[in-house]
Structures are given as structure tokens and as C-alpha cells.
Amino acid sequence: MRSADISRHSSSSFFANECWLKPALHAEQRPKHITGEQQSVRVLGLDIGGANIKASTADGESVSISFAIWQNRDGLRGILKQLPLYRDAAPDIVALTMTAELADCFQTKAEGVQFIIEAVQGVFAGSLIRVWLTSGEFAEATDAIELPQLAGASNWHALATWAGRAAPSGPAVLIDIGSTTTDIIPLIDGLPVPEGRTDLERLAASELLYTGVGRTPVCAIVQTVPLVPDEESAGPVGVCRIPVAAELFATALDVHLLNGDVMADAGNCETADGRPLTREASLNRLAHMLCCDSTELSETQLVKIAEHIAEQQLQQITVAVKNRCQYVRKLVADSGMTKIHAVISGSGAWLAERVIQEVGESSFAAVHNLSEMFVRNVSRSAPAFAVARLAAERCQDDLLPIESLY
């Protein structure tokens, strides 16, 4: 049961001016500040990560495609050409944000930023390309290539700039948990106020955690696990702690499937061993973390191990969220505000909900879950959607002929 003193928003009250909150198929349904001409501008937001490419229109139609860029960076253009959005006509504006520049197929981040931007330019040659910078603005593609420290690892900032509108007054934190990483971004009056800007600075400030609900190796979450004795299996007598193998045998995806937080999907083979995402296969993968297979440990033992790993990940994120809550409270200490808003998003938004409970819901004035607030669930592709919305607001004038500006 959730505490009674917290306001949990699933409505669109904080985004009243966003035309995508409800169907906008007819002119009479459009908000007055959105004209028919503006509605016809096609904006595509791209969030190009190292393992996934996410794309979204400005009205929330989105897609996420798995693509391991480090394995086949030259395949990026082909993947972009296959995006199902705007297949009938090219977008007028392509708004780009990225994190894939860190992939080890690039020797430097600058090389990665240039490669990604040029790939987008090549595929969307007839579109206006704008790249989000962590300075809080869009840049032309050629300028962004010259500013790799601002153009790279920028998706968190785009998301915070847009999603901060859910908490337009006072202190807040945005908690975005994805398949690979967790972003914890301080906000004041709806704007990001991070302590760090680069990945290194954000890691040091607990604003970037390299842990998520999908791709994170189990051995990156725990070093040992408790093994409970079981009559069905061999092993030590009595409860003992077993070191886990420092191998990519199992991931957080297996852990959360075994705990019932992720659905099995026999068609998904993007797992540690390339076998399907089924309960049986996840049990076997997790057993390998103890240098066993699923015939040597019982399902009961393995589920208890999964519960322990999930709890450790929960606590790691909780510690970081408490840290950032304390930080943002210090920034507004003179205001007397003690409760802050929380905005949560990402494929692991369900885990963010649990983090809020661990921190203590009474600490928060309100919790806004992006996956529950809108007609379309934009949470899984939130940075792509955010950058599309920001471009729709800020870049339409860039489509006008230069002479029309004078």
C-alpha cells in the first residue's frame, strides 16, 4: 500500500501544452498554439546507443531496435534505413542524440560522434539534421562534429530537459532505468542541474550508474551469492556464500525474469549465451555463474540467488538516488523545501518505483511515471521522444528560407 501523503500523477496536468497527449487527428482537437502547418512538419528523434537504436516521432510513435554497433558499425546506415517511421516520406527534421560513441569499435569518442552523425546525414540526406548538446541546445551536424564532448553521451540531458516539465517548480530528480544504465538527474524548476556533464563526472557524482534491467552482467552486480542447502541438489551443507564467476554467463535480464519482473520471450535470443529468454534457459545461465548447470542446483536455490542479486541491484540504485536527493535539497536549502518530486522512466521504470519505496515515499512530494502519463507509452524510448519534441519546438524556424527571416 502506498502512503497517503504522496501525490502520484498519471494525468497530463504538467504537460497541458503538449499536443501528443491525446489524439490530434482533427484540426479542432489541436491546441490553439499548434497550427495546421506546424502539425505537418515531420520530426524524427533518434537516440543511437551502443546496443539499441531508439526512434520516435514528435507525437509519440516510437520503436526500439537492438543493434550492437561494436560488432558491426558499418551496419548502422542499413538499420537506420529500415526504421518503420516515416517510410512514406522523409522527415523534415531529424533530431539526434547518442551514447554509442563510447563503443569500443571507435578508438576515440570524437571518432564515434563523427561516424554516427555522418551515418545519419547519409541516410537522411534530404532532412534537416540537428544534434542535441549537453549545453542544452541543438547544433548543426558540422558544428556538433567539432564538439564531441558536448554531442556525445547527450541523451540523458535531452530527456531531463523535456521530462523536467513534469516537475516545473522546486527540486526534483529524474530516475531513468534502462537495459544498460541508470541516470539520476537533479532538477530545479523543471531544468537539469547536474553536478556532472561528462560520463566520468557523472559516474563520480552518482548521476550515472552502469547498471540496468537487461544487459548488466550478474558479476557486475554481486561478487558472492548465498547458497541455501537443498535436498534436491548437491553442494555444501549449511548456508554459505559462493563467489560468482567473473564471466558473462548471465545478466540482469535472467535475474528479473526469474523474479517475475520480466516476461519470458522465446523469440528473444539477445541473452548471454544466445539461447532464448525462457525460464529454463535463465535458470541454466544463472547456474553457470556458480560454475554449475541447472542439473546441479535446484530451481528453489537459483530463484533465491536471483532474489539476492535483484536486492543488491535495488540497494545500489537506492544509495545513489538518496545521494542525489541530498544534493538537490542542498541546492534549495534556503527555500525551506524538503520534499522533492520524482520523475521516473525507462524500461526499468518498475524498478525505479521500488527505489522510491526504498528511499521512502514520504520523502517525495509526488512521483510522475512517464509510462503512465500519456496516450502512448513513450517511456521505453523516452530520450528519442524527448529530442523529437524539443526539435519540434525549437527547430522549425530552421526550415524557413533565410530570406524569410529578414
Protein backbone atom coordinates (compact mmCIF):
# COMPACT_ATOMS: atom_id res chain seq x y z
CA MET A 1 0.00 0.00 0.00
CA ARG A 2 1.34 3.37 -0.98
CA SER A 3 1.48 6.13 1.63
CA ALA A 4 -1.40 8.55 1.62
CA ASP A 5 0.66 11.72 1.73
CA ILE A 6 2.14 11.34 -1.73
CA SER A 7 0.60 12.62 -4.94
CA ARG A 8 1.12 10.12 -7.77
CA HIS A 9 0.42 11.66 -11.16
CA SER A 10 -0.69 9.63 -14.16
CA SER A 11 -2.51 12.50 -15.84
CA SER A 12 -1.28 15.07 -18.29
CA SER A 13 -1.61 18.06 -15.99
CA PHE A 14 2.04 19.06 -16.17
CA PHE A 15 2.14 18.68 -19.96
CA ALA A 16 -1.04 20.53 -20.81
CA ASN A 17 0.57 22.23 -23.81
CA GLU A 18 1.84 19.02 -25.41
CA CYS A 19 -0.25 18.13 -28.45
CA TRP A 20 0.67 14.44 -28.31
CA LEU A 21 -1.06 13.81 -25.00
CA LYS A 22 -4.31 12.92 -26.76
CA PRO A 23 -5.14 12.08 -30.37
CA ALA A 24 -4.70 15.14 -32.57
CA LEU A 25 -6.16 13.83 -35.81
CA HIS A 26 -8.54 16.70 -36.48
CA ALA A 27 -7.89 20.42 -36.59
CA GLU A 28 -10.50 21.18 -33.94
CA GLN A 29 -8.66 18.92 -31.49
CA ARG A 30 -5.32 20.71 -31.78
CA PRO A 31 -4.25 23.11 -29.05
CA LYS A 32 -4.56 26.69 -30.25
CA HIS A 33 -0.80 27.27 -30.24
CA ILE A 34 -0.24 24.40 -32.73
CA THR A 35 -1.24 25.36 -36.26
CA GLY A 36 -2.08 23.01 -39.08
CA GLU A 37 1.16 23.96 -40.83
CA GLN A 38 3.21 23.10 -37.73
CA GLN A 39 1.43 19.77 -37.37
CA SER A 40 2.51 18.80 -40.89
CA VAL A 41 6.22 19.14 -40.07
CA ARG A 42 7.65 15.65 -39.74
CA VAL A 43 10.16 15.34 -36.90
CA LEU A 44 12.11 12.17 -36.16
CA GLY A 45 14.01 11.78 -32.92
CA LEU A 46 16.94 9.34 -32.83
CA ASP A 47 18.71 8.01 -29.75
CA ILE A 48 21.62 5.93 -31.02
CA GLY A 49 23.08 3.79 -28.26
CA GLY A 50 25.69 1.11 -28.26
CA ALA A 51 23.17 -1.74 -28.03
CA ASN A 52 19.87 -0.20 -29.13
CA ILE A 53 18.64 2.36 -31.61
CA LYS A 54 15.50 4.16 -30.50
CA ALA A 55 13.43 6.34 -32.76
CA SER A 56 10.31 8.39 -32.16
CA THR A 57 8.08 10.86 -33.89
CA ALA A 58 7.11 14.05 -32.11
CA ASP A 59 3.65 12.62 -31.41
CA GLY A 60 4.97 9.55 -29.62
CA GLU A 61 5.04 6.81 -32.24
CA SER A 62 8.26 5.02 -31.34
CA VAL A 63 10.37 1.96 -31.98
CA SER A 64 13.42 0.35 -30.38
CA ILE A 65 15.72 -1.87 -32.43
CA SER A 66 18.53 -3.95 -30.99
CA PHE A 67 21.82 -3.22 -32.74
CA ALA A 68 25.24 -3.99 -31.31
CA ILE A 69 27.21 -1.25 -33.00
CA TRP A 70 30.53 -2.55 -31.67
CA GLN A 71 30.03 -5.75 -33.68
CA ASN A 72 29.09 -4.14 -36.98
CA ARG A 73 29.41 -0.39 -37.01
CA ASP A 74 29.16 -0.27 -40.80
CA GLY A 75 25.67 -1.72 -40.49
CA LEU A 76 24.36 1.42 -38.80
CA ARG A 77 23.16 3.03 -42.01
CA GLY A 78 21.29 -0.11 -43.01
CA ILE A 79 19.49 -0.22 -39.67
CA LEU A 80 18.53 3.44 -39.95
CA LYS A 81 17.13 2.83 -43.43
CA GLN A 82 14.91 0.08 -42.02
CA LEU A 83 13.23 2.26 -39.40
CA PRO A 84 9.46 1.87 -39.83
CA LEU A 85 8.73 5.53 -39.04
CA TYR A 86 8.14 7.94 -41.93
CA ARG A 87 8.53 5.23 -44.55
CA ASP A 88 6.19 7.09 -46.92
CA ALA A 89 8.12 10.37 -46.80
CA ALA A 90 11.41 11.52 -45.31
CA PRO A 91 11.24 13.51 -42.07
CA ASP A 92 11.70 17.26 -42.36
CA ILE A 93 13.83 17.35 -39.22
CA VAL A 94 15.98 14.61 -37.70
CA ALA A 95 16.92 15.33 -34.09
CA LEU A 96 19.83 13.22 -32.90
CA THR A 97 21.17 12.27 -29.52
CA MET A 98 23.61 9.47 -28.78
CA THR A 99 25.66 7.36 -26.42
CA ALA A 100 27.15 4.91 -28.94
CA GLU A 101 30.30 6.98 -29.34
CA LEU A 102 31.67 5.11 -26.32
CA ALA A 103 31.53 1.75 -28.13
CA ASP A 104 34.97 0.20 -28.44
CA CYS A 105 34.72 -0.03 -32.22
CA PHE A 106 35.75 3.62 -32.06
CA GLN A 107 39.22 4.50 -30.85
CA THR A 108 38.05 7.85 -29.52
CA LYS A 109 34.71 9.41 -28.67
CA ALA A 110 35.36 12.10 -31.27
CA GLU A 111 35.65 9.40 -33.92
CA GLY A 112 32.39 7.86 -32.72
CA VAL A 113 30.50 11.15 -32.72
CA GLN A 114 31.64 11.92 -36.26
CA PHE A 115 30.83 8.42 -37.52
CA ILE A 116 27.31 8.47 -36.05
CA ILE A 117 26.48 11.95 -37.31
CA GLU A 118 27.78 11.19 -40.80
CA ALA A 119 25.77 7.96 -40.89
CA VAL A 120 22.60 9.90 -40.05
CA GLN A 121 23.47 12.53 -42.65
CA GLY A 122 23.96 9.83 -45.26
CA VAL A 123 20.61 8.17 -44.62
CA PHE A 124 18.58 11.35 -44.18
CA ALA A 125 20.32 13.45 -46.81
CA GLY A 126 17.20 15.49 -47.55
CA SER A 127 16.36 16.25 -43.93
CA LEU A 128 17.49 18.99 -41.60
CA ILE A 129 19.84 17.36 -39.07
CA ARG A 130 20.11 18.79 -35.59
CA VAL A 131 22.21 17.29 -32.77
CA TRP A 132 21.47 17.79 -29.08
CA LEU A 133 24.33 19.05 -26.92
CA THR A 134 24.73 18.73 -23.16
CA SER A 135 24.92 22.52 -23.08
CA GLY A 136 21.15 22.40 -23.60
CA GLU A 137 20.84 23.36 -27.25
CA PHE A 138 20.76 21.97 -30.76
CA ALA A 139 23.69 22.28 -33.13
CA GLU A 140 24.09 21.77 -36.83
CA ALA A 141 25.73 18.49 -37.74
CA THR A 142 29.05 20.03 -38.79
CA ASP A 143 29.27 22.03 -35.57
CA ALA A 144 28.40 19.00 -33.44
CA ILE A 145 31.24 17.02 -35.00
CA GLU A 146 33.59 19.73 -33.75
CA LEU A 147 32.09 19.49 -30.24
CA PRO A 148 32.29 15.77 -29.39
CA GLN A 149 32.42 16.35 -25.61
CA LEU A 150 29.04 18.09 -25.85
CA ALA A 151 27.45 15.95 -28.56
CA GLY A 152 28.44 12.58 -27.11
CA ALA A 153 26.57 10.96 -24.22
CA SER A 154 23.85 13.58 -24.52
CA ASN A 155 20.61 11.59 -24.36
CA TRP A 156 20.24 11.94 -20.58
CA HIS A 157 20.33 15.72 -20.88
CA ALA A 158 17.73 15.79 -23.64
CA LEU A 159 15.43 13.59 -21.58
CA ALA A 160 15.90 15.71 -18.46
CA THR A 161 15.29 18.95 -20.36
CA TRP A 162 11.97 17.69 -21.64
CA ALA A 163 10.78 15.46 -18.78
CA GLY A 164 11.59 18.12 -16.21
CA ARG A 165 8.31 19.75 -17.18
CA ALA A 166 6.59 17.16 -15.03
CA ALA A 167 8.09 18.98 -12.04
CA PRO A 168 8.07 22.63 -13.13
CA SER A 169 8.54 24.11 -9.67
CA GLY A 170 11.06 23.29 -6.97
CA PRO A 171 13.54 20.43 -6.62
CA ALA A 172 13.19 17.04 -8.33
CA VAL A 173 15.14 14.03 -9.53
CA LEU A 174 14.69 12.16 -12.78
CA ILE A 175 15.35 8.42 -12.45
CA ASP A 176 15.68 6.70 -15.82
CA ILE A 177 16.49 2.99 -15.65
CA GLY A 178 17.22 1.31 -18.95
CA SER A 179 18.60 -2.02 -20.07
CA THR A 180 22.22 -0.98 -19.54
CA THR A 181 22.46 2.13 -17.38
CA THR A 182 20.63 4.22 -14.82
CA ASP A 183 20.54 8.02 -14.96
CA ILE A 184 19.74 10.02 -11.82
CA ILE A 185 19.45 13.67 -12.78
CA PRO A 186 18.82 16.53 -10.34
CA LEU A 187 16.26 19.11 -11.48
CA ILE A 188 15.25 22.53 -10.21
CA ASP A 189 12.19 24.31 -11.58
CA GLY A 190 12.00 21.79 -14.41
CA LEU A 191 15.57 22.23 -15.62
CA PRO A 192 18.53 19.84 -15.22
CA VAL A 193 21.14 20.94 -12.69
CA PRO A 194 23.61 18.04 -12.83
CA GLU A 195 26.80 18.03 -10.85
CA GLY A 196 28.50 16.24 -13.74
CA ARG A 197 28.37 16.75 -17.50
CA THR A 198 30.69 14.11 -18.93
CA ASP A 199 30.31 10.39 -18.28
CA LEU A 200 33.33 10.47 -15.98
CA GLU A 201 31.96 13.36 -13.95
CA ARG A 202 28.52 11.77 -13.78
CA LEU A 203 29.92 8.44 -12.62
CA ALA A 204 31.80 10.25 -9.86
CA ALA A 205 28.65 12.15 -8.84
CA SER A 206 26.36 9.06 -8.75
CA GLU A 207 24.34 10.53 -11.61
CA LEU A 208 25.30 7.70 -13.97
CA LEU A 209 25.24 4.10 -12.82
CA TYR A 210 26.34 1.38 -15.18
CA THR A 211 23.57 -0.96 -14.14
CA GLY A 212 20.25 -1.73 -15.81
CA VAL A 213 17.49 -4.30 -16.05
CA GLY A 214 18.76 -6.04 -19.17
CA ARG A 215 22.36 -6.24 -20.29
CA THR A 216 24.19 -5.83 -16.97
CA PRO A 217 26.32 -8.92 -16.21
CA VAL A 218 25.50 -10.61 -12.92
CA CYS A 219 29.16 -10.39 -11.90
CA ALA A 220 28.90 -6.59 -12.16
CA ILE A 221 26.14 -6.58 -9.54
CA VAL A 222 27.47 -9.08 -7.00
CA GLN A 223 30.71 -10.86 -6.22
CA THR A 224 29.21 -13.53 -3.98
CA VAL A 225 25.76 -15.06 -3.52
CA PRO A 226 24.21 -17.07 -0.67
CA LEU A 227 23.65 -20.74 -1.42
CA VAL A 228 20.91 -22.33 0.66
CA PRO A 229 21.12 -26.12 1.17
CA ASP A 230 18.53 -28.11 -0.70
CA GLU A 231 17.69 -31.81 -0.64
CA GLU A 232 17.28 -31.84 -4.41
CA SER A 233 20.83 -30.78 -5.14
CA ALA A 234 24.41 -31.47 -4.24
CA GLY A 235 26.63 -28.88 -2.62
CA PRO A 236 27.88 -27.65 0.74
CA VAL A 237 25.92 -28.37 3.88
CA GLY A 238 24.52 -25.24 5.52
CA VAL A 239 24.12 -21.74 4.16
CA CYS A 240 27.33 -20.44 2.64
CA ARG A 241 28.43 -17.66 0.32
CA ILE A 242 29.75 -18.66 -3.07
CA PRO A 243 31.89 -16.35 -5.22
CA VAL A 244 30.41 -15.89 -8.68
CA ALA A 245 32.39 -16.44 -11.86
CA ALA A 246 33.78 -13.32 -13.49
CA GLU A 247 32.23 -14.37 -16.78
CA LEU A 248 29.34 -13.19 -18.92
CA PHE A 249 27.25 -16.26 -18.16
CA ALA A 250 24.07 -14.46 -17.05
CA THR A 251 22.68 -10.95 -16.95
CA ALA A 252 20.15 -8.87 -15.05
CA LEU A 253 17.60 -9.95 -17.66
CA ASP A 254 17.78 -13.52 -16.35
CA VAL A 255 17.56 -12.35 -12.75
CA HIS A 256 14.45 -10.26 -13.34
CA LEU A 257 12.78 -12.96 -15.41
CA LEU A 258 13.24 -15.49 -12.60
CA ASN A 259 11.79 -12.96 -10.15
CA GLY A 260 8.75 -12.41 -12.36
CA ASP A 261 9.51 -8.80 -13.30
CA VAL A 262 10.36 -9.52 -16.94
CA MET A 263 8.21 -11.67 -19.22
CA ALA A 264 9.69 -14.73 -20.91
CA ASP A 265 10.10 -14.38 -24.66
CA ALA A 266 11.19 -17.47 -26.58
CA GLY A 267 11.80 -15.30 -29.63
CA ASN A 268 14.36 -13.16 -27.81
CA CYS A 269 17.84 -14.64 -28.05
CA GLU A 270 19.71 -11.49 -27.02
CA THR A 271 20.98 -13.22 -23.93
CA ALA A 272 24.40 -14.03 -22.52
CA ASP A 273 24.58 -17.38 -24.33
CA GLY A 274 22.40 -16.59 -27.34
CA ARG A 275 19.70 -19.01 -26.21
CA PRO A 276 16.05 -17.99 -25.75
CA LEU A 277 14.78 -15.81 -22.94
CA THR A 278 12.86 -18.59 -21.21
CA ARG A 279 12.69 -19.58 -17.57
CA GLU A 280 14.51 -22.85 -18.20
CA ALA A 281 17.33 -21.15 -20.09
CA SER A 282 17.63 -18.38 -17.49
CA LEU A 283 17.94 -20.94 -14.70
CA ASN A 284 20.76 -22.61 -16.59
CA ARG A 285 22.53 -19.33 -17.30
CA LEU A 286 22.34 -18.29 -13.66
CA ALA A 287 23.64 -21.70 -12.53
CA HIS A 288 26.69 -21.12 -14.71
CA MET A 289 27.55 -18.11 -12.54
CA LEU A 290 28.34 -20.68 -9.81
CA CYS A 291 30.22 -22.86 -12.31
CA CYS A 292 27.28 -25.28 -12.35
CA ASP A 293 24.42 -26.09 -14.65
CA SER A 294 20.74 -26.32 -13.80
CA THR A 295 21.01 -30.05 -13.05
CA GLU A 296 23.31 -29.35 -10.10
CA LEU A 297 21.24 -26.68 -8.36
CA SER A 298 17.52 -26.74 -7.71
CA GLU A 299 15.12 -24.15 -9.05
CA THR A 300 14.43 -23.06 -5.48
CA GLN A 301 18.13 -22.37 -4.89
CA LEU A 302 18.50 -20.47 -8.14
CA VAL A 303 15.42 -18.34 -7.51
CA LYS A 304 16.76 -17.40 -4.07
CA ILE A 305 20.03 -16.42 -5.71
CA ALA A 306 18.11 -14.31 -8.24
CA GLU A 307 16.23 -12.61 -5.41
CA HIS A 308 19.51 -11.77 -3.70
CA ILE A 309 21.03 -10.31 -6.87
CA ALA A 310 17.94 -8.21 -7.55
CA GLU A 311 18.00 -6.89 -3.99
CA GLN A 312 21.65 -5.90 -4.33
CA GLN A 313 20.95 -4.01 -7.53
CA LEU A 314 17.98 -2.29 -5.89
CA GLN A 315 20.15 -1.17 -3.00
CA GLN A 316 22.92 0.10 -5.29
CA ILE A 317 20.46 2.34 -7.13
CA THR A 318 18.76 3.39 -3.90
CA VAL A 319 22.04 4.60 -2.39
CA ALA A 320 22.71 6.72 -5.48
CA VAL A 321 19.19 8.18 -5.50
CA LYS A 322 19.48 9.13 -1.84
CA ASN A 323 22.78 10.81 -2.66
CA ARG A 324 21.27 12.89 -5.47
CA CYS A 325 18.21 13.76 -3.40
CA GLN A 326 20.50 15.10 -0.71
CA TYR A 327 22.43 17.06 -3.35
CA VAL A 328 19.38 18.73 -4.84
CA ARG A 329 18.00 19.56 -1.39
CA LYS A 330 21.23 21.39 -0.60
CA LEU A 331 20.78 23.46 -3.76
CA VAL A 332 17.43 24.73 -2.49
CA ALA A 333 18.26 24.76 1.23
CA ASP A 334 17.36 28.43 1.56
CA SER A 335 13.87 27.82 0.19
CA GLY A 336 12.86 25.57 3.06
CA MET A 337 11.70 22.84 0.66
CA THR A 338 12.36 19.35 1.99
CA LYS A 339 10.18 17.19 -0.25
CA ILE A 340 11.10 16.77 -3.88
CA HIS A 341 9.37 15.45 -6.96
CA ALA A 342 10.49 12.26 -8.68
CA VAL A 343 10.12 11.60 -12.40
CA ILE A 344 10.70 8.01 -13.49
CA SER A 345 11.08 6.46 -16.92
CA GLY A 346 12.78 3.75 -18.94
CA SER A 347 12.29 0.04 -19.50
CA GLY A 348 13.10 -0.37 -15.80
CA ALA A 349 10.55 2.16 -14.55
CA TRP A 350 9.10 -0.64 -12.41
CA LEU A 351 12.45 -0.89 -10.62
CA ALA A 352 12.51 2.87 -10.16
CA GLU A 353 9.14 2.55 -8.39
CA ARG A 354 10.76 0.16 -5.92
CA VAL A 355 13.68 2.51 -5.44
CA ILE A 356 11.21 5.24 -4.49
CA GLN A 357 9.71 2.91 -1.90
CA GLU A 358 13.17 2.09 -0.53
CA VAL A 359 14.10 5.75 -0.25
CA GLY A 360 10.75 6.39 1.43
CA GLU A 361 7.77 7.75 -0.44
CA SER A 362 7.16 10.27 2.32
CA SER A 363 10.35 11.98 1.13
CA PHE A 364 8.70 12.88 -2.17
CA ALA A 365 6.04 15.44 -2.93
CA ALA A 366 4.93 13.47 -5.99
CA VAL A 367 6.06 10.70 -8.30
CA HIS A 368 5.47 11.08 -12.04
CA ASN A 369 5.79 7.89 -14.10
CA LEU A 370 6.23 8.75 -17.77
CA SER A 371 4.94 5.33 -18.80
CA GLU A 372 1.56 6.11 -17.22
CA MET A 373 1.13 9.75 -18.17
CA PHE A 374 0.43 9.69 -21.88
CA VAL A 375 -1.75 8.20 -24.58
CA ARG A 376 1.29 6.41 -25.97
CA ASN A 377 3.87 4.77 -23.75
CA VAL A 378 6.97 6.80 -24.59
CA SER A 379 8.95 5.65 -21.57
CA ARG A 380 11.00 2.93 -23.29
CA SER A 381 12.17 5.35 -26.00
CA ALA A 382 11.96 8.47 -23.87
CA PRO A 383 15.22 10.20 -24.97
CA ALA A 384 14.30 9.77 -28.65
CA PHE A 385 10.84 11.15 -27.99
CA ALA A 386 12.24 13.98 -25.89
CA VAL A 387 14.66 15.10 -28.56
CA ALA A 388 11.88 14.92 -31.17
CA ARG A 389 9.65 17.14 -29.04
CA LEU A 390 12.43 19.59 -28.34
CA ALA A 391 13.24 19.83 -32.05
CA ALA A 392 9.57 20.34 -32.90
CA GLU A 393 9.56 23.30 -30.53
CA ARG A 394 12.95 24.80 -31.32
CA CYS A 395 13.99 23.92 -34.85
CA GLN A 396 11.02 24.54 -37.12
CA ASP A 397 12.23 28.03 -38.00
CA ASP A 398 15.41 26.43 -39.35
CA LEU A 399 13.30 25.04 -42.19
CA LEU A 400 12.41 28.53 -43.40
CA PRO A 401 14.34 30.13 -46.27
CA ILE A 402 16.98 32.52 -44.96
CA GLU A 403 15.42 35.47 -46.79
CA SER A 404 12.17 34.97 -44.85
CA LEU A 405 13.99 35.82 -41.63
CA TYR A 406 14.75 39.36 -42.74
